[in-house]
N, C-alpha and C. Protein backbone atom coordinates (compact mmCIF):
# COMPACT_ATOMS: atom_id res chain seq x y z
N MET A 1 0.86 -1.11 0.01
CA MET A 1 0.06 0.03 0.06
C MET A 1 0.84 1.20 0.09
N THR A 2 0.57 2.09 -0.86
CA THR A 2 1.48 3.36 -0.88
C THR A 2 0.85 4.43 -0.13
N GLY A 3 1.73 5.35 0.41
CA GLY A 3 1.31 6.44 1.21
C GLY A 3 0.48 7.40 0.48
N PRO A 4 0.20 8.56 1.10
CA PRO A 4 -0.57 9.63 0.52
C PRO A 4 0.40 10.31 -0.53
N ASP A 5 -0.27 10.89 -1.56
CA ASP A 5 0.54 11.64 -2.44
C ASP A 5 0.72 12.99 -1.94
N ARG A 6 2.17 13.25 -1.61
CA ARG A 6 2.46 14.37 -0.99
C ARG A 6 2.74 15.52 -1.90
N ARG A 7 2.49 15.32 -3.28
CA ARG A 7 2.41 16.31 -4.18
C ARG A 7 1.01 17.09 -4.11
N SER A 8 0.10 16.52 -3.59
CA SER A 8 -1.17 17.19 -3.62
C SER A 8 -1.53 17.57 -2.22
N PRO A 9 -2.09 18.86 -2.17
CA PRO A 9 -2.36 19.62 -0.88
C PRO A 9 -3.39 18.80 0.02
N ALA A 10 -4.09 18.02 -0.72
CA ALA A 10 -5.13 17.21 0.14
C ALA A 10 -4.61 15.77 0.43
N GLY A 11 -3.36 15.56 0.09
CA GLY A 11 -2.84 14.09 0.40
C GLY A 11 -2.10 13.97 1.57
N THR A 12 -2.22 14.94 2.54
CA THR A 12 -1.52 14.87 3.82
C THR A 12 -2.33 15.68 4.82
N ASP A 13 -2.28 15.18 6.16
CA ASP A 13 -2.94 16.09 7.22
C ASP A 13 -1.95 17.15 7.72
N ASP A 14 -0.65 17.12 7.31
CA ASP A 14 0.28 18.04 7.70
C ASP A 14 0.08 19.42 7.03
N PRO A 15 -0.39 20.54 7.75
CA PRO A 15 -0.54 21.87 7.16
C PRO A 15 0.82 22.33 6.33
N LEU A 16 1.96 22.05 6.89
CA LEU A 16 3.18 22.57 6.37
C LEU A 16 3.40 21.79 4.91
N GLU A 17 3.01 20.46 5.03
CA GLU A 17 3.31 19.68 3.78
C GLU A 17 2.20 20.08 2.70
N ARG A 18 1.05 20.41 3.15
CA ARG A 18 0.09 20.91 2.17
C ARG A 18 0.54 22.25 1.55
N VAL A 19 1.09 23.19 2.29
CA VAL A 19 1.60 24.34 1.64
C VAL A 19 2.71 24.16 0.74
N LEU A 20 3.68 23.28 1.16
CA LEU A 20 4.79 22.95 0.34
C LEU A 20 4.43 22.18 -0.86
N ALA A 21 3.38 21.33 -0.85
CA ALA A 21 2.86 20.60 -2.05
C ALA A 21 2.22 21.54 -2.93
N ALA A 22 1.48 22.50 -2.38
CA ALA A 22 0.91 23.49 -3.33
C ALA A 22 1.89 24.22 -4.01
N VAL A 23 3.02 24.86 -3.22
CA VAL A 23 4.08 25.49 -3.84
C VAL A 23 4.77 24.75 -5.11
N ARG A 24 5.03 23.45 -4.67
CA ARG A 24 5.69 22.57 -5.66
C ARG A 24 4.84 22.42 -6.92
N ALA A 25 3.56 22.39 -6.67
CA ALA A 25 2.60 22.27 -7.90
C ALA A 25 2.52 23.52 -8.72
N ARG A 26 2.80 24.71 -8.15
CA ARG A 26 2.71 25.91 -8.72
C ARG A 26 4.05 26.34 -9.47
N VAL A 27 5.07 25.66 -9.07
CA VAL A 27 6.25 25.95 -9.84
C VAL A 27 6.58 25.11 -11.11
N GLU A 28 5.61 24.21 -11.45
CA GLU A 28 5.73 23.56 -12.70
C GLU A 28 5.80 24.58 -13.81
N PRO A 29 6.22 24.04 -15.00
CA PRO A 29 6.28 24.94 -16.15
C PRO A 29 5.01 25.58 -16.48
N GLU A 30 3.88 25.00 -16.36
CA GLU A 30 2.55 25.47 -16.69
C GLU A 30 2.30 26.54 -15.60
N GLY A 31 2.64 26.41 -14.39
CA GLY A 31 2.50 27.32 -13.29
C GLY A 31 3.13 28.46 -13.51
N TRP A 32 4.32 28.45 -14.05
CA TRP A 32 5.03 29.48 -14.22
C TRP A 32 4.53 30.41 -15.33
N ARG A 33 4.07 29.68 -16.35
CA ARG A 33 3.51 30.41 -17.40
C ARG A 33 2.31 31.13 -17.08
N VAL A 34 1.38 30.54 -16.42
CA VAL A 34 0.14 31.34 -15.81
C VAL A 34 0.66 32.48 -15.02
N ALA A 35 1.63 32.30 -14.14
CA ALA A 35 2.07 33.42 -13.18
C ALA A 35 2.66 34.57 -13.95
N LEU A 36 3.43 34.30 -14.86
CA LEU A 36 3.95 35.33 -15.83
C LEU A 36 2.85 35.96 -16.65
N GLU A 37 1.94 35.24 -17.03
CA GLU A 37 0.89 35.94 -17.82
C GLU A 37 0.04 36.81 -16.87
N ARG A 38 -0.22 36.43 -15.70
CA ARG A 38 -0.98 37.24 -14.75
C ARG A 38 -0.27 38.43 -14.13
N GLY A 39 1.05 38.11 -13.87
CA GLY A 39 1.93 39.37 -13.44
C GLY A 39 2.42 40.35 -14.29
N SER A 40 2.44 39.94 -15.56
CA SER A 40 3.07 40.87 -16.55
C SER A 40 2.23 40.92 -17.78
N GLY A 41 0.99 41.05 -17.57
CA GLY A 41 -0.09 40.92 -18.59
C GLY A 41 0.27 41.74 -19.89
N PRO A 42 0.10 43.14 -19.80
CA PRO A 42 0.51 43.94 -20.92
C PRO A 42 1.84 43.54 -21.59
N MET A 43 2.81 43.27 -20.85
CA MET A 43 4.09 42.98 -21.47
C MET A 43 4.08 41.73 -22.26
N LEU A 44 3.16 40.72 -21.92
CA LEU A 44 2.99 39.50 -22.62
C LEU A 44 1.88 39.40 -23.75
N GLY A 45 1.33 40.76 -23.92
CA GLY A 45 0.33 40.76 -24.96
C GLY A 45 -1.02 40.70 -24.44
N LEU A 46 -1.26 40.65 -23.16
CA LEU A 46 -2.65 40.77 -22.78
C LEU A 46 -3.08 42.19 -22.76
N SER A 47 -4.59 42.18 -23.18
CA SER A 47 -5.01 43.63 -23.13
C SER A 47 -4.99 44.17 -21.74
N LEU A 48 -5.23 45.56 -21.75
CA LEU A 48 -5.46 46.25 -20.44
C LEU A 48 -6.70 45.81 -19.69
N GLY A 49 -7.63 45.55 -20.53
CA GLY A 49 -8.93 45.09 -19.89
C GLY A 49 -8.87 43.79 -19.35
N ARG A 50 -8.12 42.87 -19.98
CA ARG A 50 -7.99 41.55 -19.45
C ARG A 50 -7.11 41.61 -18.24
N THR A 51 -6.24 42.28 -18.29
CA THR A 51 -5.17 42.54 -17.08
C THR A 51 -5.89 42.88 -15.87
N MET A 52 -6.75 44.06 -16.12
CA MET A 52 -7.53 44.49 -14.91
C MET A 52 -8.41 43.62 -14.57
N ALA A 53 -9.07 42.84 -15.36
CA ALA A 53 -10.06 41.78 -14.88
C ALA A 53 -9.43 40.78 -14.01
N ILE A 54 -8.29 40.32 -14.35
CA ILE A 54 -7.48 39.31 -13.59
C ILE A 54 -7.12 40.02 -12.24
N PHE A 55 -6.71 41.37 -12.27
CA PHE A 55 -6.31 41.98 -11.08
C PHE A 55 -7.55 42.00 -10.02
N PHE A 56 -8.75 42.43 -10.67
CA PHE A 56 -9.86 42.56 -9.55
C PHE A 56 -10.44 41.19 -9.15
N ARG A 57 -10.26 40.30 -10.07
CA ARG A 57 -10.70 38.93 -9.62
C ARG A 57 -9.74 38.32 -8.49
N THR A 58 -8.49 38.78 -8.63
CA THR A 58 -7.53 38.36 -7.50
C THR A 58 -7.73 39.04 -6.29
N CYS A 59 -8.20 40.34 -6.27
CA CYS A 59 -8.59 41.17 -5.15
C CYS A 59 -9.82 40.49 -4.54
N TYR A 60 -10.74 40.11 -5.33
CA TYR A 60 -12.00 39.57 -4.77
C TYR A 60 -11.70 38.20 -4.00
N ARG A 61 -10.68 37.49 -4.72
CA ARG A 61 -10.41 36.14 -4.05
C ARG A 61 -9.60 36.23 -2.70
N MET A 62 -8.95 37.45 -2.60
CA MET A 62 -8.20 37.74 -1.29
C MET A 62 -9.02 38.69 -0.48
N ARG A 63 -10.18 38.94 -0.63
CA ARG A 63 -11.04 39.96 0.10
C ARG A 63 -10.95 39.55 1.71
N PHE A 64 -11.15 38.36 2.09
CA PHE A 64 -11.09 37.96 3.40
C PHE A 64 -9.65 38.08 3.95
N SER A 65 -8.57 37.65 3.31
CA SER A 65 -7.28 37.82 3.68
C SER A 65 -6.94 39.34 3.85
N MET A 66 -7.29 40.16 3.07
CA MET A 66 -6.98 41.65 3.14
C MET A 66 -7.82 42.19 4.35
N ALA A 67 -9.00 41.64 4.61
CA ALA A 67 -9.74 42.28 5.71
C ALA A 67 -9.05 41.83 7.02
N ALA A 68 -8.42 40.54 7.14
CA ALA A 68 -7.67 40.11 8.23
C ALA A 68 -6.43 40.88 8.49
N ILE A 69 -5.62 41.20 7.30
CA ILE A 69 -4.49 42.03 7.49
C ILE A 69 -4.64 43.43 8.03
N LEU A 70 -5.77 43.98 7.50
CA LEU A 70 -6.27 45.36 8.03
C LEU A 70 -6.54 45.32 9.48
N ALA A 71 -7.20 44.16 9.91
CA ALA A 71 -7.70 44.07 11.31
C ALA A 71 -6.41 44.11 12.23
N MET A 72 -5.44 43.22 11.74
CA MET A 72 -4.23 42.95 12.56
C MET A 72 -3.44 44.17 12.57
N LEU A 73 -3.40 44.98 11.50
CA LEU A 73 -2.71 46.38 11.43
C LEU A 73 -3.31 47.31 12.52
N GLY A 74 -4.64 47.37 12.47
CA GLY A 74 -5.57 48.23 13.37
C GLY A 74 -5.18 47.75 14.73
N LEU A 75 -5.08 46.42 15.12
CA LEU A 75 -4.81 45.98 16.51
C LEU A 75 -3.45 46.39 16.89
N GLY A 76 -2.57 46.60 15.92
CA GLY A 76 -1.21 46.87 16.35
C GLY A 76 -1.19 48.39 16.75
N PHE A 77 -1.98 49.24 16.08
CA PHE A 77 -2.06 50.67 16.53
C PHE A 77 -2.85 50.57 17.91
N VAL A 78 -3.80 49.97 18.11
CA VAL A 78 -4.55 49.85 19.39
C VAL A 78 -3.72 49.65 20.53
N THR A 79 -2.97 48.48 20.33
CA THR A 79 -2.10 48.08 21.45
C THR A 79 -1.10 49.09 21.70
N ARG A 80 -0.35 49.71 20.57
CA ARG A 80 0.56 50.66 20.81
C ARG A 80 0.22 51.94 21.52
N TYR A 81 -0.92 52.55 21.03
CA TYR A 81 -1.16 53.88 21.63
C TYR A 81 -2.09 53.68 22.87
N SER A 82 -2.65 52.51 23.21
CA SER A 82 -3.24 52.36 24.44
C SER A 82 -2.24 52.01 25.58
N GLY A 83 -0.92 51.83 25.26
CA GLY A 83 -0.09 51.50 26.21
C GLY A 83 0.16 49.91 26.56
N MET A 84 -0.53 49.16 25.83
CA MET A 84 -0.56 47.74 26.24
C MET A 84 0.98 47.12 25.95
N ASP A 85 1.42 47.37 24.89
CA ASP A 85 2.79 47.03 24.47
C ASP A 85 3.83 47.55 25.47
N ALA A 86 3.67 48.77 25.90
CA ALA A 86 4.75 49.22 26.79
C ALA A 86 4.52 48.41 28.18
N VAL A 87 3.37 48.32 28.66
CA VAL A 87 3.13 47.62 29.88
C VAL A 87 3.78 46.17 29.82
N MET A 88 3.59 45.44 28.68
CA MET A 88 4.16 44.04 28.68
C MET A 88 5.71 44.26 28.67
N GLY A 89 6.22 45.22 27.95
CA GLY A 89 7.72 45.40 27.88
C GLY A 89 8.21 45.66 29.24
N LEU A 90 7.53 46.50 29.99
CA LEU A 90 8.11 46.94 31.31
C LEU A 90 8.06 45.81 32.35
N ALA A 91 7.02 44.89 32.09
CA ALA A 91 6.96 43.71 32.94
C ALA A 91 8.14 42.95 32.77
N MET A 92 8.63 42.85 31.59
CA MET A 92 9.80 41.90 31.27
C MET A 92 11.08 42.47 31.92
N THR A 93 11.11 43.80 32.14
CA THR A 93 12.34 44.37 32.82
C THR A 93 12.65 43.88 34.05
N HIS A 94 11.67 43.18 34.80
CA HIS A 94 11.81 42.81 36.09
C HIS A 94 12.57 41.44 36.04
N THR A 95 12.85 41.05 34.97
CA THR A 95 13.67 39.55 34.89
C THR A 95 15.11 39.62 35.30
N GLY A 96 15.56 41.01 35.47
CA GLY A 96 16.98 41.20 36.01
C GLY A 96 18.11 40.67 35.00
N VAL A 97 18.92 39.79 35.52
CA VAL A 97 20.07 39.41 34.91
C VAL A 97 19.65 38.46 33.68
N LEU A 98 18.36 37.98 33.63
CA LEU A 98 17.77 37.31 32.45
C LEU A 98 17.18 38.01 31.46
N PHE A 99 17.30 39.43 31.68
CA PHE A 99 16.67 40.27 30.56
C PHE A 99 17.24 40.20 29.15
N PRO A 100 18.62 39.87 29.03
CA PRO A 100 19.07 39.68 27.61
C PRO A 100 18.24 38.45 26.92
N PHE A 101 17.96 37.45 27.58
CA PHE A 101 17.10 36.46 26.98
C PHE A 101 15.63 36.99 26.82
N PHE A 102 15.08 37.47 27.79
CA PHE A 102 13.66 37.92 27.68
C PHE A 102 13.46 39.06 26.88
N GLY A 103 14.59 39.93 26.74
CA GLY A 103 14.54 41.05 25.83
C GLY A 103 14.39 40.67 24.37
N THR A 104 15.18 39.39 24.04
CA THR A 104 15.11 38.87 22.64
C THR A 104 13.80 38.46 22.49
N MET A 105 13.10 37.92 23.43
CA MET A 105 11.82 37.27 23.18
C MET A 105 10.84 38.44 23.08
N LEU A 106 11.09 39.67 23.64
CA LEU A 106 10.27 40.72 23.58
C LEU A 106 10.14 41.19 22.06
N GLY A 107 11.49 41.20 21.46
CA GLY A 107 11.59 41.59 20.04
C GLY A 107 10.67 40.53 19.20
N TRP A 108 10.83 39.13 19.54
CA TRP A 108 9.94 38.11 18.91
C TRP A 108 8.54 38.40 19.02
N LEU A 109 8.10 38.95 20.27
CA LEU A 109 6.67 39.18 20.45
C LEU A 109 6.33 40.40 19.56
N GLY A 110 7.12 41.41 19.52
CA GLY A 110 6.88 42.60 18.80
C GLY A 110 6.54 42.29 17.23
N VAL A 111 7.35 41.53 16.71
CA VAL A 111 7.14 41.19 15.23
C VAL A 111 5.96 40.36 15.19
N ALA A 112 5.59 39.38 16.07
CA ALA A 112 4.54 38.44 16.05
C ALA A 112 3.20 39.40 16.07
N LEU A 113 3.21 40.47 16.85
CA LEU A 113 2.10 41.37 16.85
C LEU A 113 1.90 42.36 15.78
N THR A 114 2.96 42.99 15.56
CA THR A 114 2.83 43.97 14.31
C THR A 114 3.15 43.50 13.03
N GLY A 115 3.80 42.45 12.77
CA GLY A 115 4.21 41.72 11.46
C GLY A 115 5.43 42.23 10.85
N THR A 116 5.98 43.29 11.48
CA THR A 116 7.38 43.83 10.88
C THR A 116 8.42 44.05 11.87
N ASP A 117 9.65 43.81 11.43
CA ASP A 117 10.76 44.06 12.39
C ASP A 117 10.78 45.66 12.73
N ALA A 118 10.51 46.45 11.81
CA ALA A 118 10.51 47.82 12.04
C ALA A 118 9.49 48.32 13.01
N GLY A 119 8.26 47.62 12.94
CA GLY A 119 7.31 47.79 13.92
C GLY A 119 7.68 47.55 15.40
N SER A 120 8.25 46.35 15.35
CA SER A 120 8.80 45.90 16.65
C SER A 120 9.76 46.75 17.30
N ASN A 121 10.72 47.21 16.37
CA ASN A 121 11.85 48.24 16.86
C ASN A 121 11.16 49.50 17.26
N ALA A 122 10.08 50.09 16.56
CA ALA A 122 9.44 51.30 16.96
C ALA A 122 8.70 51.15 18.22
N LEU A 123 8.26 49.87 18.47
CA LEU A 123 7.48 49.69 19.81
C LEU A 123 8.52 49.53 21.01
N PHE A 124 9.48 48.69 20.80
CA PHE A 124 10.28 48.29 21.84
C PHE A 124 11.73 48.68 21.86
N GLY A 125 12.24 49.34 20.79
CA GLY A 125 13.59 49.83 20.57
C GLY A 125 14.01 50.60 21.78
N SER A 126 13.23 51.86 21.96
CA SER A 126 13.66 52.64 22.99
C SER A 126 13.77 51.92 24.45
N LEU A 127 12.63 51.13 24.68
CA LEU A 127 12.41 50.45 25.78
C LEU A 127 13.71 49.49 26.18
N GLN A 128 14.15 48.80 25.04
CA GLN A 128 15.31 47.77 25.17
C GLN A 128 16.56 48.70 25.54
N VAL A 129 16.85 49.88 24.99
CA VAL A 129 18.07 50.61 25.22
C VAL A 129 17.97 51.34 26.68
N ILE A 130 16.82 51.83 27.06
CA ILE A 130 16.61 52.39 28.38
C ILE A 130 16.85 51.29 29.52
N THR A 131 16.18 50.17 29.25
CA THR A 131 16.39 49.04 30.32
C THR A 131 17.87 48.55 30.39
N ALA A 132 18.39 48.47 29.09
CA ALA A 132 19.85 47.98 29.17
C ALA A 132 20.73 49.02 30.03
N ASN A 133 20.47 50.29 29.76
CA ASN A 133 21.27 51.17 30.55
C ASN A 133 21.01 51.08 32.08
N ARG A 134 19.75 50.78 32.44
CA ARG A 134 19.38 50.85 33.83
C ARG A 134 20.02 49.48 34.47
N LEU A 135 20.10 48.42 33.69
CA LEU A 135 20.60 47.23 34.29
C LEU A 135 22.12 47.04 33.96
N GLY A 136 22.78 47.98 33.43
CA GLY A 136 24.17 47.94 32.98
C GLY A 136 24.52 47.11 32.00
N LEU A 137 23.61 46.81 31.08
CA LEU A 137 23.94 45.97 29.88
C LEU A 137 24.32 46.95 28.71
N SER A 138 24.76 46.35 27.69
CA SER A 138 25.18 47.02 26.44
C SER A 138 23.80 47.36 25.71
N PRO A 139 23.63 48.67 25.54
CA PRO A 139 22.39 49.15 24.69
C PRO A 139 22.56 48.63 23.25
N VAL A 140 23.79 48.66 22.80
CA VAL A 140 23.96 48.17 21.35
C VAL A 140 23.48 46.70 21.19
N LEU A 141 23.96 45.89 22.24
CA LEU A 141 23.43 44.54 22.23
C LEU A 141 22.02 44.30 22.28
N MET A 142 21.24 45.07 23.28
CA MET A 142 19.85 44.82 23.48
C MET A 142 19.15 45.40 22.16
N ALA A 143 19.49 46.43 21.55
CA ALA A 143 18.84 46.98 20.32
C ALA A 143 18.99 45.98 19.27
N ALA A 144 20.13 45.31 19.09
CA ALA A 144 20.36 44.27 18.11
C ALA A 144 19.59 43.07 18.36
N ALA A 145 19.40 42.75 19.78
CA ALA A 145 18.71 41.55 20.07
C ALA A 145 17.23 41.67 19.86
N ASN A 146 16.69 43.02 19.89
CA ASN A 146 15.33 43.13 19.49
C ASN A 146 15.09 42.86 18.04
N SER A 147 15.84 43.33 17.17
CA SER A 147 15.74 42.95 15.78
C SER A 147 16.04 41.46 15.58
N ALA A 148 17.07 40.84 16.10
CA ALA A 148 17.46 39.53 15.86
C ALA A 148 16.36 38.54 16.37
N GLY A 149 15.79 38.90 17.53
CA GLY A 149 14.60 38.11 18.01
C GLY A 149 13.32 38.20 17.24
N GLY A 150 13.21 39.46 16.66
CA GLY A 150 11.93 39.73 15.85
C GLY A 150 11.91 38.93 14.57
N VAL A 151 13.12 38.75 14.02
CA VAL A 151 13.18 37.98 12.90
C VAL A 151 12.59 36.47 12.99
N MET A 152 12.81 35.97 14.10
CA MET A 152 12.13 34.60 14.40
C MET A 152 10.68 34.60 14.63
N GLY A 153 10.19 35.85 14.83
CA GLY A 153 8.62 36.06 14.96
C GLY A 153 7.89 36.30 13.67
N LYS A 154 8.75 36.49 12.68
CA LYS A 154 8.15 36.73 11.31
C LYS A 154 7.27 35.61 10.76
N MET A 155 7.69 34.36 11.06
CA MET A 155 6.99 33.23 10.54
C MET A 155 5.58 32.97 11.19
N ILE A 156 5.28 33.74 12.36
CA ILE A 156 4.03 33.49 12.97
C ILE A 156 3.12 34.61 13.15
N ASP A 157 3.58 35.76 12.39
CA ASP A 157 2.75 37.00 12.34
C ASP A 157 1.64 36.83 11.31
N ALA A 158 0.52 37.25 11.76
CA ALA A 158 -0.72 37.06 11.03
C ALA A 158 -0.71 37.39 9.49
N GLN A 159 -0.06 38.55 9.27
CA GLN A 159 0.04 38.87 7.89
C GLN A 159 0.73 37.87 7.14
N SER A 160 1.84 37.40 7.42
CA SER A 160 2.57 36.54 6.72
C SER A 160 1.80 35.09 6.62
N ILE A 161 1.19 34.80 7.54
CA ILE A 161 0.58 33.49 7.50
C ILE A 161 -0.77 33.56 6.54
N ILE A 162 -1.51 34.68 6.68
CA ILE A 162 -2.53 34.95 5.64
C ILE A 162 -2.04 35.06 4.19
N VAL A 163 -1.09 35.68 3.93
CA VAL A 163 -0.64 35.94 2.61
C VAL A 163 -0.09 34.52 2.14
N ALA A 164 0.58 33.85 2.91
CA ALA A 164 1.35 32.51 2.60
C ALA A 164 0.09 31.49 2.13
N CYS A 165 -1.00 31.48 3.01
CA CYS A 165 -2.08 30.69 2.76
C CYS A 165 -2.87 30.99 1.46
N ALA A 166 -2.79 32.35 1.24
CA ALA A 166 -3.69 32.84 -0.04
C ALA A 166 -2.89 32.60 -1.17
N ALA A 167 -1.58 32.71 -1.11
CA ALA A 167 -0.66 32.52 -2.29
C ALA A 167 -0.87 31.09 -2.89
N VAL A 168 -1.01 30.16 -2.05
CA VAL A 168 -1.02 28.72 -2.41
C VAL A 168 -2.43 28.08 -2.45
N GLY A 169 -3.48 28.83 -2.34
CA GLY A 169 -4.72 28.48 -2.44
C GLY A 169 -5.21 27.52 -1.19
N GLU A 170 -4.72 27.81 0.11
CA GLU A 170 -4.99 27.35 1.17
C GLU A 170 -5.86 28.20 2.19
N GLU A 171 -6.70 28.94 1.66
CA GLU A 171 -7.50 29.94 2.58
C GLU A 171 -8.26 29.08 3.56
N GLY A 172 -8.30 29.53 4.77
CA GLY A 172 -8.98 28.83 5.97
C GLY A 172 -8.23 27.96 6.64
N LYS A 173 -6.89 27.78 6.19
CA LYS A 173 -5.93 26.81 6.84
C LYS A 173 -4.94 27.57 7.71
N GLU A 174 -5.22 28.85 7.97
CA GLU A 174 -4.28 29.77 8.71
C GLU A 174 -3.95 29.28 10.19
N GLY A 175 -5.08 28.73 10.78
CA GLY A 175 -4.88 28.12 12.18
C GLY A 175 -4.09 26.99 12.10
N ASP A 176 -4.03 26.11 11.19
CA ASP A 176 -3.38 24.89 11.12
C ASP A 176 -1.96 25.27 10.93
N LEU A 177 -1.72 26.24 10.00
CA LEU A 177 -0.33 26.58 9.65
C LEU A 177 0.46 27.26 10.89
N PHE A 178 -0.42 28.16 11.57
CA PHE A 178 0.24 28.77 12.75
C PHE A 178 0.63 27.76 13.79
N ARG A 179 -0.26 26.82 14.04
CA ARG A 179 -0.05 25.76 15.06
C ARG A 179 1.35 24.92 14.66
N ALA A 180 1.53 24.79 13.32
CA ALA A 180 2.60 23.91 12.76
C ALA A 180 3.85 24.68 13.05
N VAL A 181 3.94 25.93 12.78
CA VAL A 181 5.24 26.85 12.92
C VAL A 181 5.56 27.27 14.07
N LEU A 182 4.40 27.43 15.03
CA LEU A 182 4.71 28.16 16.31
C LEU A 182 5.77 27.43 17.13
N PRO A 183 5.93 26.08 17.21
CA PRO A 183 7.18 25.47 18.08
C PRO A 183 8.54 25.99 17.44
N HIS A 184 8.54 25.96 16.13
CA HIS A 184 9.79 26.26 15.58
C HIS A 184 10.19 27.68 15.71
N SER A 185 9.23 28.56 15.81
CA SER A 185 9.41 30.08 15.96
C SER A 185 9.93 30.28 17.35
N ILE A 186 9.22 29.53 18.40
CA ILE A 186 9.66 29.78 19.76
C ILE A 186 10.98 29.27 19.94
N ALA A 187 11.37 28.04 19.39
CA ALA A 187 12.62 27.48 19.68
C ALA A 187 13.81 28.16 19.00
N LEU A 188 13.73 28.69 17.77
CA LEU A 188 14.66 29.63 17.23
C LEU A 188 14.85 30.87 17.98
N ALA A 189 13.83 31.53 18.31
CA ALA A 189 13.86 32.76 19.33
C ALA A 189 14.53 32.59 20.55
N ALA A 190 14.31 31.35 21.22
CA ALA A 190 14.99 31.07 22.37
C ALA A 190 16.38 30.82 22.15
N LEU A 191 16.80 30.10 20.97
CA LEU A 191 18.17 29.97 20.58
C LEU A 191 19.00 31.45 20.52
N VAL A 192 18.27 32.29 19.73
CA VAL A 192 18.87 33.59 19.73
C VAL A 192 18.89 34.34 21.16
N GLY A 193 17.95 34.10 21.89
CA GLY A 193 18.02 34.50 23.25
C GLY A 193 19.23 33.96 24.08
N VAL A 194 19.56 32.80 23.92
CA VAL A 194 20.61 32.12 24.71
C VAL A 194 21.97 32.77 24.15
N ILE A 195 22.01 33.08 22.72
CA ILE A 195 23.17 33.65 22.19
C ILE A 195 23.46 35.06 22.79
N VAL A 196 22.34 35.79 22.86
CA VAL A 196 22.47 37.13 23.39
C VAL A 196 22.81 37.08 24.83
N TYR A 197 22.31 36.21 25.60
CA TYR A 197 22.59 36.10 27.05
C TYR A 197 24.23 35.78 27.06
N PHE A 198 24.70 34.94 26.25
CA PHE A 198 26.19 34.64 26.17
C PHE A 198 26.92 35.91 26.05
N PHE A 199 26.49 36.81 25.02
CA PHE A 199 27.28 38.05 24.75
C PHE A 199 27.09 38.89 25.87
N SER A 200 26.01 38.88 26.62
CA SER A 200 25.85 39.87 27.74
C SER A 200 26.82 39.58 28.96
N THR A 201 27.25 38.16 29.07
CA THR A 201 28.09 37.74 30.07
C THR A 201 29.60 37.46 29.68
N ALA A 202 29.70 36.44 29.04
CA ALA A 202 31.09 36.03 28.84
C ALA A 202 31.53 36.69 27.48
N GLY A 203 30.75 37.14 26.57
CA GLY A 203 31.23 37.72 25.38
C GLY A 203 30.99 39.23 25.28
N GLN A 204 31.02 39.97 26.39
CA GLN A 204 30.95 41.33 26.41
C GLN A 204 32.06 42.11 25.66
N ALA A 205 33.25 41.49 25.56
CA ALA A 205 34.36 42.10 24.80
C ALA A 205 34.20 42.08 23.37
N TRP A 206 33.25 41.33 22.81
CA TRP A 206 33.03 41.23 21.42
C TRP A 206 31.86 42.07 20.89
N ILE A 207 31.29 42.93 21.90
CA ILE A 207 30.21 43.73 21.53
C ILE A 207 30.65 45.04 21.19
N PRO A 208 30.34 45.63 20.02
CA PRO A 208 30.78 46.94 19.46
C PRO A 208 30.24 48.00 20.46
N SER A 209 31.09 49.09 20.81
CA SER A 209 30.85 49.98 21.70
C SER A 209 30.89 51.41 20.98
N GLY A 210 30.98 51.55 19.78
CA GLY A 210 31.08 52.77 19.08
C GLY A 210 32.61 53.17 18.78
N ARG A 211 33.52 52.45 19.34
CA ARG A 211 34.95 52.82 19.11
C ARG A 211 35.40 52.29 17.88
N VAL A 212 36.54 52.65 17.31
CA VAL A 212 37.00 52.26 16.04
C VAL A 212 37.96 51.03 16.33
N TRP A 213 37.55 49.97 15.79
CA TRP A 213 38.34 48.79 15.92
C TRP A 213 39.88 48.80 15.53
N GLY A 214 40.82 48.39 16.27
CA GLY A 214 42.16 48.51 15.89
C GLY A 214 42.86 49.59 16.51
N HIS A 215 42.24 50.61 17.16
CA HIS A 215 42.80 51.72 17.63
C HIS A 215 42.92 51.57 19.12
């Protein structure tokens, strides 16, 4: 008895495998041809009317995904201007000597909430620097830790998951994909946190402090 066909999104219960199978199906020569025709319509001889029809049909197909993205962006502004993000950040400053680890996780949380590393830096960047100065840590290290930890949160932010599912025709499977990638995201963020903790203790001499190296 043969196993399920893993080239078909419906051939497995693993949401990651379904997404990968859908991507593999779309990179076949015919898939590339269709993608090029839709993305470069006028350049490939399609009329302007045909190109616009495809564009609006795509927008209609992604109507729920776009609504979800707008909702998450709105939530990011609400949490920012209501002070919720600052309160969560200040709570993590009480971790003391473990702040390098938890500060990294704070950057991870910021990207998971806002969807961008820039948004996480805008939310928590100044907090990281101020807290680092109060705790006697390198502000350069903690500012960098905010960005490095944030990168690991990109795979679980709502916008990325919604767009990924919409791109491969897996609308409605966002929850399954989130649950599948969440453990990987946490593990990678924790690994970065351990590295940052090492730099804050045994590796302080390797942290740039604004001086010119070699002088």
